[in-house]
Amino acid sequence: MRKRSVGINVRVSVTEKRKMTLMAKRCGLSLSEYLRQRTLGYEPGGHPPKEVFDVLDKIDEMAENCQPSAGAKITACADEIRDLLIGGN
């Protein structure tokens, strides 16, 4: 059975639409999906670019070449950054 969708027209100013479109792009969502999530009470977050995680992986590699105690601290910091970026606790 086909799922039906119903459109809702919303009037906003040009500035408001520009802001919403920008926020949707930052989150990697279409404007419609961004508005759906906001309407349902979610706060969509942006996704960091892949390069951020590449840098964190490089930090992990460097930590492996450090003294064990320093390497463990560096790795712990990189893990904490990863958790913050992906919404972990």
PDB file of N, CA and C in Angstrom:
ATOM      1  N   MET A   1       0.835  -1.159   0.000  1.00  0.00           N
ATOM      2  CA  MET A   1       0.000   0.000   0.000  1.00  0.00           C
ATOM      3  C   MET A   1       0.894   1.242   0.000  1.00  0.00           C
ATOM      4  N   ARG A   2       0.533   2.209  -0.785  1.00  0.00           N
ATOM      5  CA  ARG A   2       1.332   3.431  -0.934  1.00  0.00           C
ATOM      6  C   ARG A   2       1.084   4.387   0.225  1.00  0.00           C
ATOM      7  N   LYS A   3       2.164   4.926   0.752  1.00  0.00           N
ATOM      8  CA  LYS A   3       2.058   5.870   1.846  1.00  0.00           C
ATOM      9  C   LYS A   3       1.774   7.255   1.275  1.00  0.00           C
ATOM     10  N   ARG A   4       0.726   7.886   1.737  1.00  0.00           N
ATOM     11  CA  ARG A   4       0.356   9.199   1.230  1.00  0.00           C
ATOM     12  C   ARG A   4       0.970  10.278   2.099  1.00  0.00           C
ATOM     13  N   SER A   5       1.354  11.356   1.483  1.00  0.00           N
ATOM     14  CA  SER A   5       1.837  12.493   2.248  1.00  0.00           C
ATOM     15  C   SER A   5       0.966  13.704   1.910  1.00  0.00           C
ATOM     16  N   VAL A   6       0.846  14.564   2.870  1.00  0.00           N
ATOM     17  CA  VAL A   6       0.017  15.747   2.726  1.00  0.00           C
ATOM     18  C   VAL A   6       0.910  16.965   2.901  1.00  0.00           C
ATOM     19  N   GLY A   7       0.786  17.929   2.023  1.00  0.00           N
ATOM     20  CA  GLY A   7       1.586  19.136   2.110  1.00  0.00           C
ATOM     21  C   GLY A   7       0.970  20.152   3.050  1.00  0.00           C
ATOM     22  N   ILE A   8       1.818  20.919   3.688  1.00  0.00           N
ATOM     23  CA  ILE A   8       1.385  22.031   4.531  1.00  0.00           C
ATOM     24  C   ILE A   8       2.121  23.268   4.035  1.00  0.00           C
ATOM     25  N   ASN A   9       1.387  24.293   3.714  1.00  0.00           N
ATOM     26  CA  ASN A   9       2.003  25.539   3.279  1.00  0.00           C
ATOM     27  C   ASN A   9       2.290  26.409   4.487  1.00  0.00           C
ATOM     28  N   VAL A  10       3.511  26.902   4.561  1.00  0.00           N
ATOM     29  CA  VAL A  10       3.926  27.750   5.659  1.00  0.00           C
ATOM     30  C   VAL A  10       4.460  29.045   5.070  1.00  0.00           C
ATOM     31  N   ARG A  11       3.995  30.136   5.601  1.00  0.00           N
ATOM     32  CA  ARG A  11       4.480  31.440   5.130  1.00  0.00           C
ATOM     33  C   ARG A  11       5.551  31.949   6.081  1.00  0.00           C
ATOM     34  N   VAL A  12       6.695  32.235   5.513  1.00  0.00           N
ATOM     35  CA  VAL A  12       7.814  32.784   6.278  1.00  0.00           C
ATOM     36  C   VAL A  12       8.424  33.915   5.468  1.00  0.00           C
ATOM     37  N   SER A  13       9.197  34.745   6.136  1.00  0.00           N
ATOM     38  CA  SER A  13       9.889  35.816   5.420  1.00  0.00           C
ATOM     39  C   SER A  13      11.057  35.218   4.640  1.00  0.00           C
ATOM     40  N   VAL A  14      11.585  35.992   3.731  1.00  0.00           N
ATOM     41  CA  VAL A  14      12.735  35.543   2.940  1.00  0.00           C
ATOM     42  C   VAL A  14      13.917  35.252   3.870  1.00  0.00           C
ATOM     43  N   THR A  15      14.117  36.104   4.859  1.00  0.00           N
ATOM     44  CA  THR A  15      15.217  35.905   5.807  1.00  0.00           C
ATOM     45  C   THR A  15      15.033  34.621   6.600  1.00  0.00           C
ATOM     46  N   GLU A  16      13.811  34.356   7.064  1.00  0.00           N
ATOM     47  CA  GLU A  16      13.544  33.127   7.819  1.00  0.00           C
ATOM     48  C   GLU A  16      13.802  31.899   6.962  1.00  0.00           C
ATOM     49  N   LYS A  17      13.349  31.941   5.709  1.00  0.00           N
ATOM     50  CA  LYS A  17      13.563  30.792   4.829  1.00  0.00           C
ATOM     51  C   LYS A  17      15.056  30.584   4.580  1.00  0.00           C
ATOM     52  N   ARG A  18      15.792  31.663   4.398  1.00  0.00           N
ATOM     53  CA  ARG A  18      17.225  31.566   4.169  1.00  0.00           C
ATOM     54  C   ARG A  18      17.909  30.918   5.375  1.00  0.00           C
ATOM     55  N   LYS A  19      17.505  31.329   6.581  1.00  0.00           N
ATOM     56  CA  LYS A  19      18.093  30.757   7.794  1.00  0.00           C
ATOM     57  C   LYS A  19      17.765  29.279   7.926  1.00  0.00           C
ATOM     58  N   MET A  20      16.493  28.925   7.673  1.00  0.00           N
ATOM     59  CA  MET A  20      16.095  27.516   7.779  1.00  0.00           C
ATOM     60  C   MET A  20      16.811  26.658   6.747  1.00  0.00           C
ATOM     61  N   THR A  21      16.948  27.188   5.535  1.00  0.00           N
ATOM     62  CA  THR A  21      17.634  26.450   4.479  1.00  0.00           C
ATOM     63  C   THR A  21      19.093  26.232   4.842  1.00  0.00           C
ATOM     64  N   LEU A  22      19.727  27.257   5.393  1.00  0.00           N
ATOM     65  CA  LEU A  22      21.122  27.144   5.817  1.00  0.00           C
ATOM     66  C   LEU A  22      21.283  26.098   6.918  1.00  0.00           C
ATOM     67  N   MET A  23      20.381  26.121   7.909  1.00  0.00           N
ATOM     68  CA  MET A  23      20.441  25.140   8.993  1.00  0.00           C
ATOM     69  C   MET A  23      20.230  23.723   8.460  1.00  0.00           C
ATOM     70  N   ALA A  24      19.301  23.571   7.531  1.00  0.00           N
ATOM     71  CA  ALA A  24      19.046  22.253   6.950  1.00  0.00           C
ATOM     72  C   ALA A  24      20.290  21.738   6.224  1.00  0.00           C
ATOM     73  N   LYS A  25      20.943  22.617   5.478  1.00  0.00           N
ATOM     74  CA  LYS A  25      22.158  22.209   4.754  1.00  0.00           C
ATOM     75  C   LYS A  25      23.257  21.806   5.725  1.00  0.00           C
ATOM     76  N   ARG A  26      23.401  22.549   6.820  1.00  0.00           N
ATOM     77  CA  ARG A  26      24.418  22.216   7.820  1.00  0.00           C
ATOM     78  C   ARG A  26      24.185  20.835   8.414  1.00  0.00           C
ATOM     79  N   CYS A  27      22.910  20.452   8.493  1.00  0.00           N
ATOM     80  CA  CYS A  27      22.566  19.146   9.058  1.00  0.00           C
ATOM     81  C   CYS A  27      22.579  18.048   8.010  1.00  0.00           C
ATOM     82  N   GLY A  28      22.747  18.415   6.752  1.00  0.00           N
ATOM     83  CA  GLY A  28      22.728  17.424   5.684  1.00  0.00           C
ATOM     84  C   GLY A  28      21.328  16.931   5.370  1.00  0.00           C
ATOM     85  N   LEU A  29      20.326  17.781   5.632  1.00  0.00           N
ATOM     86  CA  LEU A  29      18.933  17.405   5.412  1.00  0.00           C
ATOM     87  C   LEU A  29      18.291  18.324   4.384  1.00  0.00           C
ATOM     88  N   SER A  30      17.223  17.827   3.780  1.00  0.00           N
ATOM     89  CA  SER A  30      16.426  18.710   2.936  1.00  0.00           C
ATOM     90  C   SER A  30      15.663  19.656   3.857  1.00  0.00           C
ATOM     91  N   LEU A  31      15.180  20.754   3.303  1.00  0.00           N
ATOM     92  CA  LEU A  31      14.424  21.700   4.114  1.00  0.00           C
ATOM     93  C   LEU A  31      13.177  21.030   4.692  1.00  0.00           C
ATOM     94  N   SER A  32      12.506  20.211   3.881  1.00  0.00           N
ATOM     95  CA  SER A  32      11.303  19.510   4.359  1.00  0.00           C
ATOM     96  C   SER A  32      11.617  18.586   5.531  1.00  0.00           C
ATOM     97  N   GLU A  33      12.687  17.807   5.408  1.00  0.00           N
ATOM     98  CA  GLU A  33      13.040  16.874   6.488  1.00  0.00           C
ATOM     99  C   GLU A  33      13.473  17.638   7.735  1.00  0.00           C
ATOM    100  N   TYR A  34      14.197  18.737   7.548  1.00  0.00           N
ATOM    101  CA  TYR A  34      14.599  19.565   8.682  1.00  0.00           C
ATOM    102  C   TYR A  34      13.364  20.072   9.425  1.00  0.00           C
ATOM    103  N   LEU A  35      12.390  20.590   8.685  1.00  0.00           N
ATOM    104  CA  LEU A  35      11.161  21.102   9.313  1.00  0.00           C
ATOM    105  C   LEU A  35      10.361  19.985   9.979  1.00  0.00           C
ATOM    106  N   ARG A  36      10.323  18.800   9.357  1.00  0.00           N
ATOM    107  CA  ARG A  36       9.634  17.663   9.981  1.00  0.00           C
ATOM    108  C   ARG A  36      10.243  17.344  11.337  1.00  0.00           C
ATOM    109  N   GLN A  37      11.567  17.257  11.381  1.00  0.00           N
ATOM    110  CA  GLN A  37      12.235  16.917  12.635  1.00  0.00           C
ATOM    111  C   GLN A  37      12.022  17.996  13.682  1.00  0.00           C
ATOM    112  N   ARG A  38      12.111  19.255  13.293  1.00  0.00           N
ATOM    113  CA  ARG A  38      11.882  20.347  14.245  1.00  0.00           C
ATOM    114  C   ARG A  38      10.452  20.312  14.771  1.00  0.00           C
ATOM    115  N   THR A  39       9.512  20.028  13.897  1.00  0.00           N
ATOM    116  CA  THR A  39       8.102  19.968  14.287  1.00  0.00           C
ATOM    117  C   THR A  39       7.852  18.837  15.283  1.00  0.00           C
ATOM    118  N   LEU A  40       8.573  17.743  15.133  1.00  0.00           N
ATOM    119  CA  LEU A  40       8.406  16.598  16.026  1.00  0.00           C
ATOM    120  C   LEU A  40       9.209  16.739  17.320  1.00  0.00           C
ATOM    121  N   GLY A  41       9.882  17.877  17.481  1.00  0.00           N
ATOM    122  CA  GLY A  41      10.592  18.138  18.723  1.00  0.00           C
ATOM    123  C   GLY A  41      12.055  17.764  18.726  1.00  0.00           C
ATOM    124  N   TYR A  42      12.578  17.324  17.590  1.00  0.00           N
ATOM    125  CA  TYR A  42      13.993  16.981  17.506  1.00  0.00           C
ATOM    126  C   TYR A  42      14.804  18.229  17.175  1.00  0.00           C
ATOM    127  N   GLU A  43      16.054  18.222  17.575  1.00  0.00           N
ATOM    128  CA  GLU A  43      16.967  19.291  17.190  1.00  0.00           C
ATOM    129  C   GLU A  43      18.050  18.677  16.322  1.00  0.00           C
ATOM    130  N   PRO A  44      17.833  18.680  15.005  1.00  0.00           N
ATOM    131  CA  PRO A  44      18.831  18.078  14.135  1.00  0.00           C
ATOM    132  C   PRO A  44      20.164  18.803  14.278  1.00  0.00           C
ATOM    133  N   GLY A  45      21.221  18.042  14.326  1.00  0.00           N
ATOM    134  CA  GLY A  45      22.556  18.625  14.452  1.00  0.00           C
ATOM    135  C   GLY A  45      23.344  18.442  13.174  1.00  0.00           C
ATOM    136  N   GLY A  46      24.321  19.271  13.005  1.00  0.00           N
ATOM    137  CA  GLY A  46      25.182  19.150  11.838  1.00  0.00           C
ATOM    138  C   GLY A  46      26.140  17.989  11.985  1.00  0.00           C
ATOM    139  N   HIS A  47      26.633  17.541  10.890  1.00  0.00           N
ATOM    140  CA  HIS A  47      27.606  16.462  10.887  1.00  0.00           C
ATOM    141  C   HIS A  47      28.955  17.042  10.504  1.00  0.00           C
ATOM    142  N   PRO A  48      29.956  16.805  11.303  1.00  0.00           N
ATOM    143  CA  PRO A  48      31.278  17.328  10.957  1.00  0.00           C
ATOM    144  C   PRO A  48      31.787  16.685   9.675  1.00  0.00           C
ATOM    145  N   PRO A  49      32.593  17.415   8.934  1.00  0.00           N
ATOM    146  CA  PRO A  49      33.144  16.834   7.706  1.00  0.00           C
ATOM    147  C   PRO A  49      34.068  15.658   8.006  1.00  0.00           C
ATOM    148  N   LYS A  50      34.232  14.799   7.022  1.00  0.00           N
ATOM    149  CA  LYS A  50      35.066  13.600   7.151  1.00  0.00           C
ATOM    150  C   LYS A  50      36.489  13.963   7.565  1.00  0.00           C
ATOM    151  N   GLU A  51      36.967  15.107   7.113  1.00  0.00           N
ATOM    152  CA  GLU A  51      38.338  15.520   7.411  1.00  0.00           C
ATOM    153  C   GLU A  51      38.591  15.653   8.912  1.00  0.00           C
ATOM    154  N   VAL A  52      37.572  16.029   9.666  1.00  0.00           N
ATOM    155  CA  VAL A  52      37.721  16.146  11.122  1.00  0.00           C
ATOM    156  C   VAL A  52      38.095  14.786  11.709  1.00  0.00           C
ATOM    157  N   PHE A  53      37.407  13.749  11.268  1.00  0.00           N
ATOM    158  CA  PHE A  53      37.679  12.414  11.778  1.00  0.00           C
ATOM    159  C   PHE A  53      39.015  11.883  11.261  1.00  0.00           C
ATOM    160  N   ASP A  54      39.409  12.304  10.053  1.00  0.00           N
ATOM    161  CA  ASP A  54      40.736  11.932   9.541  1.00  0.00           C
ATOM    162  C   ASP A  54      41.827  12.507  10.440  1.00  0.00           C
ATOM    163  N   VAL A  55      41.649  13.752  10.871  1.00  0.00           N
ATOM    164  CA  VAL A  55      42.627  14.387  11.764  1.00  0.00           C
ATOM    165  C   VAL A  55      42.672  13.656  13.100  1.00  0.00           C
ATOM    166  N   LEU A  56      41.512  13.295  13.637  1.00  0.00           N
ATOM    167  CA  LEU A  56      41.489  12.562  14.906  1.00  0.00           C
ATOM    168  C   LEU A  56      42.170  11.200  14.777  1.00  0.00           C
ATOM    169  N   ASP A  57      41.987  10.535  13.647  1.00  0.00           N
ATOM    170  CA  ASP A  57      42.680   9.266  13.414  1.00  0.00           C
ATOM    171  C   ASP A  57      44.191   9.471  13.369  1.00  0.00           C
ATOM    172  N   LYS A  58      44.617  10.578  12.756  1.00  0.00           N
ATOM    173  CA  LYS A  58      46.052  10.890  12.690  1.00  0.00           C
ATOM    174  C   LYS A  58      46.596  11.147  14.100  1.00  0.00           C
ATOM    175  N   ILE A  59      45.811  11.816  14.937  1.00  0.00           N
ATOM    176  CA  ILE A  59      46.214  12.047  16.336  1.00  0.00           C
ATOM    177  C   ILE A  59      46.381  10.717  17.059  1.00  0.00           C
ATOM    178  N   ASP A  60      45.459   9.775  16.804  1.00  0.00           N
ATOM    179  CA  ASP A  60      45.591   8.441  17.408  1.00  0.00           C
ATOM    180  C   ASP A  60      46.893   7.764  16.984  1.00  0.00           C
ATOM    181  N   GLU A  61      47.236   7.895  15.712  1.00  0.00           N
ATOM    182  CA  GLU A  61      48.480   7.302  15.219  1.00  0.00           C
ATOM    183  C   GLU A  61      49.684   7.919  15.918  1.00  0.00           C
ATOM    184  N   MET A  62      49.661   9.237  16.085  1.00  0.00           N
ATOM    185  CA  MET A  62      50.767   9.918  16.763  1.00  0.00           C
ATOM    186  C   MET A  62      50.841   9.492  18.223  1.00  0.00           C
ATOM    187  N   ALA A  63      49.682   9.285  18.858  1.00  0.00           N
ATOM    188  CA  ALA A  63      49.661   8.879  20.265  1.00  0.00           C
ATOM    189  C   ALA A  63      50.309   7.516  20.454  1.00  0.00           C
ATOM    190  N   GLU A  64      50.197   6.649  19.444  1.00  0.00           N
ATOM    191  CA  GLU A  64      50.809   5.323  19.529  1.00  0.00           C
ATOM    192  C   GLU A  64      52.328   5.406  19.577  1.00  0.00           C
ATOM    193  N   ASN A  65      52.891   6.504  19.051  1.00  0.00           N
ATOM    194  CA  ASN A  65      54.353   6.665  19.017  1.00  0.00           C
ATOM    195  C   ASN A  65      54.882   7.427  20.224  1.00  0.00           C
ATOM    196  N   CYS A  66      54.011   7.827  21.133  1.00  0.00           N
ATOM    197  CA  CYS A  66      54.423   8.562  22.339  1.00  0.00           C
ATOM    198  C   CYS A  66      54.693   7.589  23.480  1.00  0.00           C
ATOM    199  N   GLN A  67      55.178   8.141  24.578  1.00  0.00           N
ATOM    200  CA  GLN A  67      55.306   7.364  25.810  1.00  0.00           C
ATOM    201  C   GLN A  67      53.916   6.834  26.176  1.00  0.00           C
ATOM    202  N   PRO A  68      53.826   5.652  26.762  1.00  0.00           N
ATOM    203  CA  PRO A  68      52.520   5.057  27.064  1.00  0.00           C
ATOM    204  C   PRO A  68      51.575   5.972  27.856  1.00  0.00           C
ATOM    205  N   SER A  69      52.079   6.647  28.872  1.00  0.00           N
ATOM    206  CA  SER A  69      51.180   7.490  29.687  1.00  0.00           C
ATOM    207  C   SER A  69      50.676   8.686  28.884  1.00  0.00           C
ATOM    208  N   ALA A  70      51.564   9.316  28.121  1.00  0.00           N
ATOM    209  CA  ALA A  70      51.151  10.459  27.293  1.00  0.00           C
ATOM    210  C   ALA A  70      50.230   9.994  26.175  1.00  0.00           C
ATOM    211  N   GLY A  71      50.560   8.858  25.576  1.00  0.00           N
ATOM    212  CA  GLY A  71      49.728   8.325  24.492  1.00  0.00           C
ATOM    213  C   GLY A  71      48.318   8.025  24.953  1.00  0.00           C
ATOM    214  N   ALA A  72      48.190   7.493  26.162  1.00  0.00           N
ATOM    215  CA  ALA A  72      46.866   7.180  26.706  1.00  0.00           C
ATOM    216  C   ALA A  72      46.052   8.452  26.918  1.00  0.00           C
ATOM    217  N   LYS A  73      46.703   9.517  27.404  1.00  0.00           N
ATOM    218  CA  LYS A  73      46.005  10.787  27.618  1.00  0.00           C
ATOM    219  C   LYS A  73      45.559  11.399  26.289  1.00  0.00           C
ATOM    220  N   ILE A  74      46.438  11.340  25.299  1.00  0.00           N
ATOM    221  CA  ILE A  74      46.102  11.890  23.981  1.00  0.00           C
ATOM    222  C   ILE A  74      44.945  11.119  23.365  1.00  0.00           C
ATOM    223  N   THR A  75      44.999   9.806  23.443  1.00  0.00           N
ATOM    224  CA  THR A  75      43.926   8.972  22.900  1.00  0.00           C
ATOM    225  C   THR A  75      42.609   9.240  23.615  1.00  0.00           C
ATOM    226  N   ALA A  76      42.652   9.406  24.929  1.00  0.00           N
ATOM    227  CA  ALA A  76      41.440   9.707  25.698  1.00  0.00           C
ATOM    228  C   ALA A  76      40.834  11.035  25.253  1.00  0.00           C
ATOM    229  N   CYS A  77      41.683  12.024  25.014  1.00  0.00           N
ATOM    230  CA  CYS A  77      41.186  13.328  24.547  1.00  0.00           C
ATOM    231  C   CYS A  77      40.559  13.212  23.158  1.00  0.00           C
ATOM    232  N   ALA A  78      41.207  12.482  22.264  1.00  0.00           N
ATOM    233  CA  ALA A  78      40.670  12.302  20.915  1.00  0.00           C
ATOM    234  C   ALA A  78      39.330  11.566  20.969  1.00  0.00           C
ATOM    235  N   ASP A  79      39.228  10.565  21.845  1.00  0.00           N
ATOM    236  CA  ASP A  79      37.967   9.837  21.994  1.00  0.00           C
ATOM    237  C   ASP A  79      36.863  10.750  22.526  1.00  0.00           C
ATOM    238  N   GLU A  80      37.221  11.615  23.471  1.00  0.00           N
ATOM    239  CA  GLU A  80      36.233  12.545  24.029  1.00  0.00           C
ATOM    240  C   GLU A  80      35.742  13.512  22.946  1.00  0.00           C
ATOM    241  N   ILE A  81      36.647  13.978  22.099  1.00  0.00           N
ATOM    242  CA  ILE A  81      36.250  14.862  20.999  1.00  0.00           C
ATOM    243  C   ILE A  81      35.310  14.138  20.053  1.00  0.00           C
ATOM    244  N   ARG A  82      35.640  12.897  19.717  1.00  0.00           N
ATOM    245  CA  ARG A  82      34.768  12.107  18.835  1.00  0.00           C
ATOM    246  C   ARG A  82      33.361  11.978  19.429  1.00  0.00           C
ATOM    247  N   ASP A  83      33.298  11.657  20.734  1.00  0.00           N
ATOM    248  CA  ASP A  83      32.007  11.500  21.401  1.00  0.00           C
ATOM    249  C   ASP A  83      31.200  12.793  21.338  1.00  0.00           C
ATOM    250  N   LEU A  84      31.861  13.916  21.564  1.00  0.00           N
ATOM    251  CA  LEU A  84      31.162  15.200  21.509  1.00  0.00           C
ATOM    252  C   LEU A  84      30.642  15.500  20.100  1.00  0.00           C
ATOM    253  N   LEU A  85      31.448  15.159  19.099  1.00  0.00           N
ATOM    254  CA  LEU A  85      31.053  15.435  17.727  1.00  0.00           C
ATOM    255  C   LEU A  85      29.879  14.591  17.257  1.00  0.00           C
ATOM    256  N   ILE A  86      29.807  13.350  17.734  1.00  0.00           N
ATOM    257  CA  ILE A  86      28.722  12.469  17.277  1.00  0.00           C
ATOM    258  C   ILE A  86      27.586  12.378  18.275  1.00  0.00           C
ATOM    259  N   GLY A  87      27.614  13.226  19.289  1.00  0.00           N
ATOM    260  CA  GLY A  87      26.489  13.275  20.222  1.00  0.00           C
ATOM    261  C   GLY A  87      26.531  12.267  21.325  1.00  0.00           C
ATOM    262  N   GLY A  88      27.697  11.726  21.624  1.00  0.00           N
ATOM    263  CA  GLY A  88      27.810  10.778  22.734  1.00  0.00           C
ATOM    264  C   GLY A  88      27.771  11.500  24.069  1.00  0.00           C
ATOM    265  N   ASN A  89      27.736  10.724  25.142  1.00  0.00           N
ATOM    266  CA  ASN A  89      27.686  11.338  26.475  1.00  0.00           C
ATOM    267  C   ASN A  89      29.050  11.415  27.105  1.00  0.00           C
TER     268      ASN A  89
END
